[in-house]
Amino acid sequence: MNEAERDKPIDFVQFNYALDDRAAEQPLLPLAAERGVAVLINRPSGEGALIRRLNRLAVPDFAAEIQCASWSELALKYLAAHEAVTCLIPPPAIPRI
């Protein structure tokens, strides 16, 4: 990579971020927020194992207050709420039992 390419500003980044894969919370999300770089999130449901396990439990009462009817919706809302997250790339199918 030459110097001109290295100094070119980055418009956006794209990486994995899910409730069971939160490695991006430090340092990627804060760095993107600090530099004003848009963040696209891949695989917000991870492999789906966590959502499948959670689906065995009742959705908490507060979920209705924030317009969530499922664990998948709660997870997506949590991830999207991070100040650095610009967009979630939805999974091809919401994992369900």
PDB file of N, CA and C in Angstrom:
ATOM      1  N   MET A   1       0.851  -1.176   0.000  1.00  0.00           N
ATOM      2  CA  MET A   1       0.000   0.000   0.000  1.00  0.00           C
ATOM      3  C   MET A   1       0.895   1.237   0.000  1.00  0.00           C
ATOM      4  N   ASN A   2       0.631   2.156  -0.921  1.00  0.00           N
ATOM      5  CA  ASN A   2       1.433   3.378  -0.972  1.00  0.00           C
ATOM      6  C   ASN A   2       0.872   4.419   0.004  1.00  0.00           C
ATOM      7  N   GLU A   3       1.602   5.508   0.177  1.00  0.00           N
ATOM      8  CA  GLU A   3       1.226   6.525   1.162  1.00  0.00           C
ATOM      9  C   GLU A   3      -0.128   7.159   0.852  1.00  0.00           C
ATOM     10  N   ALA A   4      -0.429   7.408  -0.412  1.00  0.00           N
ATOM     11  CA  ALA A   4      -1.711   8.007  -0.798  1.00  0.00           C
ATOM     12  C   ALA A   4      -2.870   7.081  -0.424  1.00  0.00           C
ATOM     13  N   GLU A   5      -2.704   5.796  -0.644  1.00  0.00           N
ATOM     14  CA  GLU A   5      -3.758   4.842  -0.273  1.00  0.00           C
ATOM     15  C   GLU A   5      -3.922   4.771   1.237  1.00  0.00           C
ATOM     16  N   ARG A   6      -2.820   4.825   1.974  1.00  0.00           N
ATOM     17  CA  ARG A   6      -2.859   4.729   3.424  1.00  0.00           C
ATOM     18  C   ARG A   6      -3.545   5.948   4.035  1.00  0.00           C
ATOM     19  N   ASP A   7      -3.387   7.120   3.438  1.00  0.00           N
ATOM     20  CA  ASP A   7      -3.955   8.352   3.976  1.00  0.00           C
ATOM     21  C   ASP A   7      -5.381   8.623   3.501  1.00  0.00           C
ATOM     22  N   LYS A   8      -5.887   7.810   2.599  1.00  0.00           N
ATOM     23  CA  LYS A   8      -7.250   7.987   2.104  1.00  0.00           C
ATOM     24  C   LYS A   8      -8.246   7.710   3.243  1.00  0.00           C
ATOM     25  N   PRO A   9      -9.195   8.612   3.459  1.00  0.00           N
ATOM     26  CA  PRO A   9     -10.145   8.400   4.556  1.00  0.00           C
ATOM     27  C   PRO A   9     -11.026   7.164   4.316  1.00  0.00           C
ATOM     28  N   ILE A  10     -11.399   6.524   5.395  1.00  0.00           N
ATOM     29  CA  ILE A  10     -12.277   5.354   5.331  1.00  0.00           C
ATOM     30  C   ILE A  10     -13.706   5.826   5.547  1.00  0.00           C
ATOM     31  N   ASP A  11     -14.599   5.479   4.623  1.00  0.00           N
ATOM     32  CA  ASP A  11     -16.003   5.871   4.731  1.00  0.00           C
ATOM     33  C   ASP A  11     -16.780   4.950   5.660  1.00  0.00           C
ATOM     34  N   PHE A  12     -16.518   3.638   5.524  1.00  0.00           N
ATOM     35  CA  PHE A  12     -17.250   2.683   6.342  1.00  0.00           C
ATOM     36  C   PHE A  12     -16.428   1.428   6.559  1.00  0.00           C
ATOM     37  N   VAL A  13     -16.813   0.695   7.597  1.00  0.00           N
ATOM     38  CA  VAL A  13     -16.229  -0.614   7.880  1.00  0.00           C
ATOM     39  C   VAL A  13     -17.374  -1.597   8.070  1.00  0.00           C
ATOM     40  N   GLN A  14     -17.063  -2.867   7.914  1.00  0.00           N
ATOM     41  CA  GLN A  14     -18.073  -3.915   8.054  1.00  0.00           C
ATOM     42  C   GLN A  14     -17.419  -5.070   8.812  1.00  0.00           C
ATOM     43  N   PHE A  15     -18.063  -5.500   9.897  1.00  0.00           N
ATOM     44  CA  PHE A  15     -17.522  -6.611  10.669  1.00  0.00           C
ATOM     45  C   PHE A  15     -18.643  -7.294  11.454  1.00  0.00           C
ATOM     46  N   ASN A  16     -18.311  -8.461  12.023  1.00  0.00           N
ATOM     47  CA  ASN A  16     -19.272  -9.229  12.806  1.00  0.00           C
ATOM     48  C   ASN A  16     -19.472  -8.585  14.173  1.00  0.00           C
ATOM     49  N   TYR A  17     -20.716  -8.631  14.652  1.00  0.00           N
ATOM     50  CA  TYR A  17     -21.064  -8.162  15.995  1.00  0.00           C
ATOM     51  C   TYR A  17     -22.385  -8.809  16.334  1.00  0.00           C
ATOM     52  N   ALA A  18     -22.411  -9.578  17.411  1.00  0.00           N
ATOM     53  CA  ALA A  18     -23.620 -10.273  17.855  1.00  0.00           C
ATOM     54  C   ALA A  18     -23.562 -10.382  19.370  1.00  0.00           C
ATOM     55  N   LEU A  19     -24.679 -10.737  19.991  1.00  0.00           N
ATOM     56  CA  LEU A  19     -24.685 -10.874  21.443  1.00  0.00           C
ATOM     57  C   LEU A  19     -23.665 -11.900  21.921  1.00  0.00           C
ATOM     58  N   ASP A  20     -23.432 -12.932  21.124  1.00  0.00           N
ATOM     59  CA  ASP A  20     -22.458 -13.950  21.519  1.00  0.00           C
ATOM     60  C   ASP A  20     -21.119 -13.782  20.785  1.00  0.00           C
ATOM     61  N   ASP A  21     -20.905 -12.627  20.172  1.00  0.00           N
ATOM     62  CA  ASP A  21     -19.632 -12.295  19.520  1.00  0.00           C
ATOM     63  C   ASP A  21     -19.452 -10.782  19.638  1.00  0.00           C
ATOM     64  N   ARG A  22     -19.043 -10.343  20.818  1.00  0.00           N
ATOM     65  CA  ARG A  22     -18.969  -8.915  21.102  1.00  0.00           C
ATOM     66  C   ARG A  22     -17.545  -8.379  21.080  1.00  0.00           C
ATOM     67  N   ALA A  23     -16.639  -9.081  20.419  1.00  0.00           N
ATOM     68  CA  ALA A  23     -15.240  -8.656  20.360  1.00  0.00           C
ATOM     69  C   ALA A  23     -15.087  -7.268  19.744  1.00  0.00           C
ATOM     70  N   ALA A  24     -16.002  -6.870  18.886  1.00  0.00           N
ATOM     71  CA  ALA A  24     -15.908  -5.570  18.211  1.00  0.00           C
ATOM     72  C   ALA A  24     -16.185  -4.387  19.139  1.00  0.00           C
ATOM     73  N   GLU A  25     -16.781  -4.656  20.307  1.00  0.00           N
ATOM     74  CA  GLU A  25     -17.094  -3.542  21.211  1.00  0.00           C
ATOM     75  C   GLU A  25     -15.837  -2.774  21.623  1.00  0.00           C
ATOM     76  N   GLN A  26     -14.722  -3.449  21.725  1.00  0.00           N
ATOM     77  CA  GLN A  26     -13.440  -2.834  22.053  1.00  0.00           C
ATOM     78  C   GLN A  26     -12.406  -3.442  21.138  1.00  0.00           C
ATOM     79  N   PRO A  27     -11.725  -2.753  20.339  1.00  0.00           N
ATOM     80  CA  PRO A  27     -11.670  -1.312  20.153  1.00  0.00           C
ATOM     81  C   PRO A  27     -12.397  -0.804  18.916  1.00  0.00           C
ATOM     82  N   LEU A  28     -12.978  -1.687  18.084  1.00  0.00           N
ATOM     83  CA  LEU A  28     -13.490  -1.264  16.777  1.00  0.00           C
ATOM     84  C   LEU A  28     -14.634  -0.257  16.853  1.00  0.00           C
ATOM     85  N   LEU A  29     -15.658  -0.527  17.655  1.00  0.00           N
ATOM     86  CA  LEU A  29     -16.799   0.397  17.690  1.00  0.00           C
ATOM     87  C   LEU A  29     -16.415   1.776  18.237  1.00  0.00           C
ATOM     88  N   PRO A  30     -15.672   1.864  19.338  1.00  0.00           N
ATOM     89  CA  PRO A  30     -15.271   3.200  19.805  1.00  0.00           C
ATOM     90  C   PRO A  30     -14.394   3.948  18.799  1.00  0.00           C
ATOM     91  N   LEU A  31     -13.498   3.235  18.135  1.00  0.00           N
ATOM     92  CA  LEU A  31     -12.627   3.872  17.149  1.00  0.00           C
ATOM     93  C   LEU A  31     -13.432   4.409  15.966  1.00  0.00           C
ATOM     94  N   ALA A  32     -14.401   3.633  15.500  1.00  0.00           N
ATOM     95  CA  ALA A  32     -15.250   4.094  14.402  1.00  0.00           C
ATOM     96  C   ALA A  32     -16.052   5.323  14.820  1.00  0.00           C
ATOM     97  N   ALA A  33     -16.593   5.305  16.033  1.00  0.00           N
ATOM     98  CA  ALA A  33     -17.357   6.462  16.523  1.00  0.00           C
ATOM     99  C   ALA A  33     -16.463   7.696  16.616  1.00  0.00           C
ATOM    100  N   GLU A  34     -15.266   7.517  17.142  1.00  0.00           N
ATOM    101  CA  GLU A  34     -14.323   8.628  17.301  1.00  0.00           C
ATOM    102  C   GLU A  34     -13.956   9.249  15.957  1.00  0.00           C
ATOM    103  N   ARG A  35     -13.812   8.414  14.930  1.00  0.00           N
ATOM    104  CA  ARG A  35     -13.375   8.906  13.617  1.00  0.00           C
ATOM    105  C   ARG A  35     -14.519   9.191  12.652  1.00  0.00           C
ATOM    106  N   GLY A  36     -15.758   8.974  13.098  1.00  0.00           N
ATOM    107  CA  GLY A  36     -16.900   9.259  12.239  1.00  0.00           C
ATOM    108  C   GLY A  36     -17.033   8.307  11.067  1.00  0.00           C
ATOM    109  N   VAL A  37     -16.608   7.068  11.260  1.00  0.00           N
ATOM    110  CA  VAL A  37     -16.681   6.054  10.211  1.00  0.00           C
ATOM    111  C   VAL A  37     -17.982   5.271  10.370  1.00  0.00           C
ATOM    112  N   ALA A  38     -18.729   5.119   9.298  1.00  0.00           N
ATOM    113  CA  ALA A  38     -19.973   4.343   9.340  1.00  0.00           C
ATOM    114  C   ALA A  38     -19.649   2.869   9.592  1.00  0.00           C
ATOM    115  N   VAL A  39     -20.531   2.191  10.338  1.00  0.00           N
ATOM    116  CA  VAL A  39     -20.312   0.789  10.696  1.00  0.00           C
ATOM    117  C   VAL A  39     -21.489  -0.054  10.226  1.00  0.00           C
ATOM    118  N   LEU A  40     -21.189  -1.041   9.384  1.00  0.00           N
ATOM    119  CA  LEU A  40     -22.177  -2.027   8.953  1.00  0.00           C
ATOM    120  C   LEU A  40     -21.879  -3.314   9.716  1.00  0.00           C
ATOM    121  N   ILE A  41     -22.891  -3.882  10.311  1.00  0.00           N
ATOM    122  CA  ILE A  41     -22.714  -5.078  11.138  1.00  0.00           C
ATOM    123  C   ILE A  41     -23.156  -6.315  10.376  1.00  0.00           C
ATOM    124  N   ASN A  42     -22.224  -7.279  10.281  1.00  0.00           N
ATOM    125  CA  ASN A  42     -22.502  -8.603   9.714  1.00  0.00           C
ATOM    126  C   ASN A  42     -23.017  -9.522  10.815  1.00  0.00           C
ATOM    127  N   ARG A  43     -23.728 -10.525  10.422  1.00  0.00           N
ATOM    128  CA  ARG A  43     -24.096 -11.644  11.283  1.00  0.00           C
ATOM    129  C   ARG A  43     -24.579 -11.206  12.663  1.00  0.00           C
ATOM    130  N   PRO A  44     -25.583 -10.320  12.757  1.00  0.00           N
ATOM    131  CA  PRO A  44     -26.048  -9.870  14.062  1.00  0.00           C
ATOM    132  C   PRO A  44     -26.681 -10.982  14.895  1.00  0.00           C
ATOM    133  N   SER A  45     -26.974 -12.110  14.288  1.00  0.00           N
ATOM    134  CA  SER A  45     -27.480 -13.264  15.039  1.00  0.00           C
ATOM    135  C   SER A  45     -26.394 -14.305  15.241  1.00  0.00           C
ATOM    136  N   GLY A  46     -25.162 -13.982  14.883  1.00  0.00           N
ATOM    137  CA  GLY A  46     -24.074 -14.946  14.999  1.00  0.00           C
ATOM    138  C   GLY A  46     -24.416 -16.201  14.215  1.00  0.00           C
ATOM    139  N   GLU A  47     -24.179 -17.327  14.816  1.00  0.00           N
ATOM    140  CA  GLU A  47     -24.550 -18.603  14.205  1.00  0.00           C
ATOM    141  C   GLU A  47     -25.995 -18.970  14.542  1.00  0.00           C
ATOM    142  N   GLY A  48     -26.637 -18.179  15.391  1.00  0.00           N
ATOM    143  CA  GLY A  48     -28.029 -18.428  15.757  1.00  0.00           C
ATOM    144  C   GLY A  48     -28.211 -19.288  16.991  1.00  0.00           C
ATOM    145  N   ALA A  49     -27.126 -19.856  17.532  1.00  0.00           N
ATOM    146  CA  ALA A  49     -27.240 -20.756  18.682  1.00  0.00           C
ATOM    147  C   ALA A  49     -27.792 -20.042  19.910  1.00  0.00           C
ATOM    148  N   LEU A  50     -27.324 -18.842  20.185  1.00  0.00           N
ATOM    149  CA  LEU A  50     -27.807 -18.108  21.358  1.00  0.00           C
ATOM    150  C   LEU A  50     -29.297 -17.816  21.231  1.00  0.00           C
ATOM    151  N   ILE A  51     -29.741 -17.355  20.081  1.00  0.00           N
ATOM    152  CA  ILE A  51     -31.158 -17.046  19.877  1.00  0.00           C
ATOM    153  C   ILE A  51     -31.999 -18.311  20.017  1.00  0.00           C
ATOM    154  N   ARG A  52     -31.520 -19.434  19.482  1.00  0.00           N
ATOM    155  CA  ARG A  52     -32.267 -20.696  19.627  1.00  0.00           C
ATOM    156  C   ARG A  52     -32.401 -21.074  21.101  1.00  0.00           C
ATOM    157  N   ARG A  53     -31.337 -20.875  21.884  1.00  0.00           N
ATOM    158  CA  ARG A  53     -31.422 -21.173  23.326  1.00  0.00           C
ATOM    159  C   ARG A  53     -32.374 -20.208  24.022  1.00  0.00           C
ATOM    160  N   LEU A  54     -32.280 -18.930  23.698  1.00  0.00           N
ATOM    161  CA  LEU A  54     -33.158 -17.940  24.326  1.00  0.00           C
ATOM    162  C   LEU A  54     -34.623 -18.166  23.961  1.00  0.00           C
ATOM    163  N   ASN A  55     -34.867 -18.651  22.757  1.00  0.00           N
ATOM    164  CA  ASN A  55     -36.249 -18.874  22.329  1.00  0.00           C
ATOM    165  C   ASN A  55     -36.979 -19.903  23.182  1.00  0.00           C
ATOM    166  N   ARG A  56     -36.243 -20.662  23.970  1.00  0.00           N
ATOM    167  CA  ARG A  56     -36.873 -21.612  24.897  1.00  0.00           C
ATOM    168  C   ARG A  56     -37.448 -20.907  26.116  1.00  0.00           C
ATOM    169  N   LEU A  57     -37.047 -19.657  26.308  1.00  0.00           N
ATOM    170  CA  LEU A  57     -37.501 -18.860  27.450  1.00  0.00           C
ATOM    171  C   LEU A  57     -38.537 -17.841  26.998  1.00  0.00           C
ATOM    172  N   ALA A  58     -39.357 -17.428  27.934  1.00  0.00           N
ATOM    173  CA  ALA A  58     -40.328 -16.373  27.626  1.00  0.00           C
ATOM    174  C   ALA A  58     -39.590 -15.055  27.410  1.00  0.00           C
ATOM    175  N   VAL A  59     -40.088 -14.271  26.491  1.00  0.00           N
ATOM    176  CA  VAL A  59     -39.531 -12.935  26.260  1.00  0.00           C
ATOM    177  C   VAL A  59     -39.889 -12.086  27.482  1.00  0.00           C
ATOM    178  N   PRO A  60     -38.949 -11.316  28.018  1.00  0.00           N
ATOM    179  CA  PRO A  60     -39.246 -10.503  29.209  1.00  0.00           C
ATOM    180  C   PRO A  60     -40.377  -9.509  28.963  1.00  0.00           C
ATOM    181  N   ASP A  61     -41.076  -9.167  30.033  1.00  0.00           N
ATOM    182  CA  ASP A  61     -42.216  -8.252  29.930  1.00  0.00           C
ATOM    183  C   ASP A  61     -41.844  -6.898  29.320  1.00  0.00           C
ATOM    184  N   PHE A  62     -40.637  -6.404  29.630  1.00  0.00           N
ATOM    185  CA  PHE A  62     -40.258  -5.078  29.120  1.00  0.00           C
ATOM    186  C   PHE A  62     -40.143  -5.047  27.604  1.00  0.00           C
ATOM    187  N   ALA A  63     -40.033  -6.200  26.978  1.00  0.00           N
ATOM    188  CA  ALA A  63     -39.864  -6.253  25.518  1.00  0.00           C
ATOM    189  C   ALA A  63     -41.028  -5.574  24.799  1.00  0.00           C
ATOM    190  N   ALA A  64     -42.229  -5.786  25.290  1.00  0.00           N
ATOM    191  CA  ALA A  64     -43.402  -5.167  24.659  1.00  0.00           C
ATOM    192  C   ALA A  64     -43.322  -3.637  24.728  1.00  0.00           C
ATOM    193  N   GLU A  65     -42.740  -3.122  25.795  1.00  0.00           N
ATOM    194  CA  GLU A  65     -42.614  -1.668  25.955  1.00  0.00           C
ATOM    195  C   GLU A  65     -41.700  -1.053  24.906  1.00  0.00           C
ATOM    196  N   ILE A  66     -40.787  -1.852  24.371  1.00  0.00           N
ATOM    197  CA  ILE A  66     -39.874  -1.341  23.340  1.00  0.00           C
ATOM    198  C   ILE A  66     -40.182  -1.977  21.981  1.00  0.00           C
ATOM    199  N   GLN A  67     -41.407  -2.425  21.814  1.00  0.00           N
ATOM    200  CA  GLN A  67     -41.921  -2.977  20.557  1.00  0.00           C
ATOM    201  C   GLN A  67     -41.135  -4.189  20.055  1.00  0.00           C
ATOM    202  N   CYS A  68     -40.793  -5.091  20.970  1.00  0.00           N
ATOM    203  CA  CYS A  68     -40.112  -6.334  20.599  1.00  0.00           C
ATOM    204  C   CYS A  68     -40.979  -7.518  21.014  1.00  0.00           C
ATOM    205  N   ALA A  69     -41.225  -8.417  20.078  1.00  0.00           N
ATOM    206  CA  ALA A  69     -42.044  -9.587  20.361  1.00  0.00           C
ATOM    207  C   ALA A  69     -41.225 -10.873  20.447  1.00  0.00           C
ATOM    208  N   SER A  70     -39.913 -10.776  20.210  1.00  0.00           N
ATOM    209  CA  SER A  70     -39.088 -11.989  20.218  1.00  0.00           C
ATOM    210  C   SER A  70     -37.687 -11.652  20.720  1.00  0.00           C
ATOM    211  N   TRP A  71     -36.947 -12.719  21.056  1.00  0.00           N
ATOM    212  CA  TRP A  71     -35.552 -12.547  21.444  1.00  0.00           C
ATOM    213  C   TRP A  71     -34.724 -12.002  20.287  1.00  0.00           C
ATOM    214  N   SER A  72     -35.025 -12.410  19.079  1.00  0.00           N
ATOM    215  CA  SER A  72     -34.304 -11.906  17.912  1.00  0.00           C
ATOM    216  C   SER A  72     -34.458 -10.393  17.793  1.00  0.00           C
ATOM    217  N   GLU A  73     -35.678  -9.921  17.968  1.00  0.00           N
ATOM    218  CA  GLU A  73     -35.908  -8.476  17.896  1.00  0.00           C
ATOM    219  C   GLU A  73     -35.176  -7.742  19.011  1.00  0.00           C
ATOM    220  N   LEU A  74     -35.178  -8.305  20.222  1.00  0.00           N
ATOM    221  CA  LEU A  74     -34.450  -7.688  21.332  1.00  0.00           C
ATOM    222  C   LEU A  74     -32.954  -7.610  21.027  1.00  0.00           C
ATOM    223  N   ALA A  75     -32.398  -8.697  20.509  1.00  0.00           N
ATOM    224  CA  ALA A  75     -30.969  -8.721  20.194  1.00  0.00           C
ATOM    225  C   ALA A  75     -30.631  -7.683  19.134  1.00  0.00           C
ATOM    226  N   LEU A  76     -31.426  -7.621  18.072  1.00  0.00           N
ATOM    227  CA  LEU A  76     -31.168  -6.648  17.010  1.00  0.00           C
ATOM    228  C   LEU A  76     -31.284  -5.216  17.526  1.00  0.00           C
ATOM    229  N   LYS A  77     -32.271  -4.966  18.370  1.00  0.00           N
ATOM    230  CA  LYS A  77     -32.450  -3.617  18.921  1.00  0.00           C
ATOM    231  C   LYS A  77     -31.262  -3.236  19.805  1.00  0.00           C
ATOM    232  N   TYR A  78     -30.772  -4.198  20.596  1.00  0.00           N
ATOM    233  CA  TYR A  78     -29.608  -3.938  21.448  1.00  0.00           C
ATOM    234  C   TYR A  78     -28.385  -3.575  20.595  1.00  0.00           C
ATOM    235  N   LEU A  79     -28.116  -4.364  19.579  1.00  0.00           N
ATOM    236  CA  LEU A  79     -26.949  -4.118  18.731  1.00  0.00           C
ATOM    237  C   LEU A  79     -27.073  -2.790  17.986  1.00  0.00           C
ATOM    238  N   ALA A  80     -28.253  -2.504  17.477  1.00  0.00           N
ATOM    239  CA  ALA A  80     -28.470  -1.270  16.713  1.00  0.00           C
ATOM    240  C   ALA A  80     -28.394  -0.030  17.602  1.00  0.00           C
ATOM    241  N   ALA A  81     -28.572  -0.197  18.901  1.00  0.00           N
ATOM    242  CA  ALA A  81     -28.564   0.940  19.819  1.00  0.00           C
ATOM    243  C   ALA A  81     -27.165   1.492  20.075  1.00  0.00           C
ATOM    244  N   HIS A  82     -26.134   0.739  19.736  1.00  0.00           N
ATOM    245  CA  HIS A  82     -24.777   1.250  19.963  1.00  0.00           C
ATOM    246  C   HIS A  82     -24.569   2.493  19.102  1.00  0.00           C
ATOM    247  N   GLU A  83     -24.015   3.530  19.689  1.00  0.00           N
ATOM    248  CA  GLU A  83     -23.860   4.813  18.988  1.00  0.00           C
ATOM    249  C   GLU A  83     -23.046   4.720  17.706  1.00  0.00           C
ATOM    250  N   ALA A  84     -22.150   3.757  17.615  1.00  0.00           N
ATOM    251  CA  ALA A  84     -21.291   3.659  16.436  1.00  0.00           C
ATOM    252  C   ALA A  84     -21.926   2.860  15.303  1.00  0.00           C
ATOM    253  N   VAL A  85     -22.963   2.088  15.597  1.00  0.00           N
ATOM    254  CA  VAL A  85     -23.563   1.218  14.581  1.00  0.00           C
ATOM    255  C   VAL A  85     -24.451   2.037  13.651  1.00  0.00           C
ATOM    256  N   THR A  86     -24.173   1.948  12.374  1.00  0.00           N
ATOM    257  CA  THR A  86     -24.942   2.654  11.360  1.00  0.00           C
ATOM    258  C   THR A  86     -26.050   1.774  10.796  1.00  0.00           C
ATOM    259  N   CYS A  87     -25.721   0.501  10.557  1.00  0.00           N
ATOM    260  CA  CYS A  87     -26.670  -0.391   9.880  1.00  0.00           C
ATOM    261  C   CYS A  87     -26.363  -1.838  10.245  1.00  0.00           C
ATOM    262  N   LEU A  88     -27.404  -2.623  10.439  1.00  0.00           N
ATOM    263  CA  LEU A  88     -27.276  -4.066  10.632  1.00  0.00           C
ATOM    264  C   LEU A  88     -27.644  -4.748   9.330  1.00  0.00           C
ATOM    265  N   ILE A  89     -26.828  -5.685   8.899  1.00  0.00           N
ATOM    266  CA  ILE A  89     -27.180  -6.488   7.732  1.00  0.00           C
ATOM    267  C   ILE A  89     -27.992  -7.653   8.252  1.00  0.00           C
ATOM    268  N   PRO A  90     -29.265  -7.709   7.927  1.00  0.00           N
ATOM    269  CA  PRO A  90     -30.119  -8.739   8.536  1.00  0.00           C
ATOM    270  C   PRO A  90     -29.716 -10.139   8.115  1.00  0.00           C
ATOM    271  N   PRO A  91     -29.919 -11.098   9.023  1.00  0.00           N
ATOM    272  CA  PRO A  91     -29.639 -12.481   8.648  1.00  0.00           C
ATOM    273  C   PRO A  91     -30.637 -12.936   7.598  1.00  0.00           C
ATOM    274  N   PRO A  92     -30.277 -13.950   6.802  1.00  0.00           N
ATOM    275  CA  PRO A  92     -31.201 -14.430   5.778  1.00  0.00           C
ATOM    276  C   PRO A  92     -32.507 -14.931   6.374  1.00  0.00           C
ATOM    277  N   ALA A  93     -32.433 -15.464   7.583  1.00  0.00           N
ATOM    278  CA  ALA A  93     -33.641 -15.916   8.289  1.00  0.00           C
ATOM    279  C   ALA A  93     -33.390 -15.724   9.767  1.00  0.00           C
ATOM    280  N   ILE A  94     -34.390 -15.242  10.487  1.00  0.00           N
ATOM    281  CA  ILE A  94     -34.273 -15.084  11.919  1.00  0.00           C
ATOM    282  C   ILE A  94     -34.302 -16.486  12.539  1.00  0.00           C
ATOM    283  N   PRO A  95     -33.285 -16.857  13.313  1.00  0.00           N
ATOM    284  CA  PRO A  95     -33.285 -18.197  13.900  1.00  0.00           C
ATOM    285  C   PRO A  95     -34.459 -18.407  14.841  1.00  0.00           C
ATOM    286  N   ARG A  96     -35.149 -19.494  14.658  1.00  0.00           N
ATOM    287  CA  ARG A  96     -36.288 -19.856  15.512  1.00  0.00           C
ATOM    288  C   ARG A  96     -36.227 -21.336  15.803  1.00  0.00           C
ATOM    289  N   ILE A  97     -36.935 -21.746  16.816  1.00  0.00           N
ATOM    290  CA  ILE A  97     -37.021 -23.186  17.128  1.00  0.00           C
ATOM    291  C   ILE A  97     -38.051 -23.822  16.237  1.00  0.00           C
TER     292      ILE A  97
END
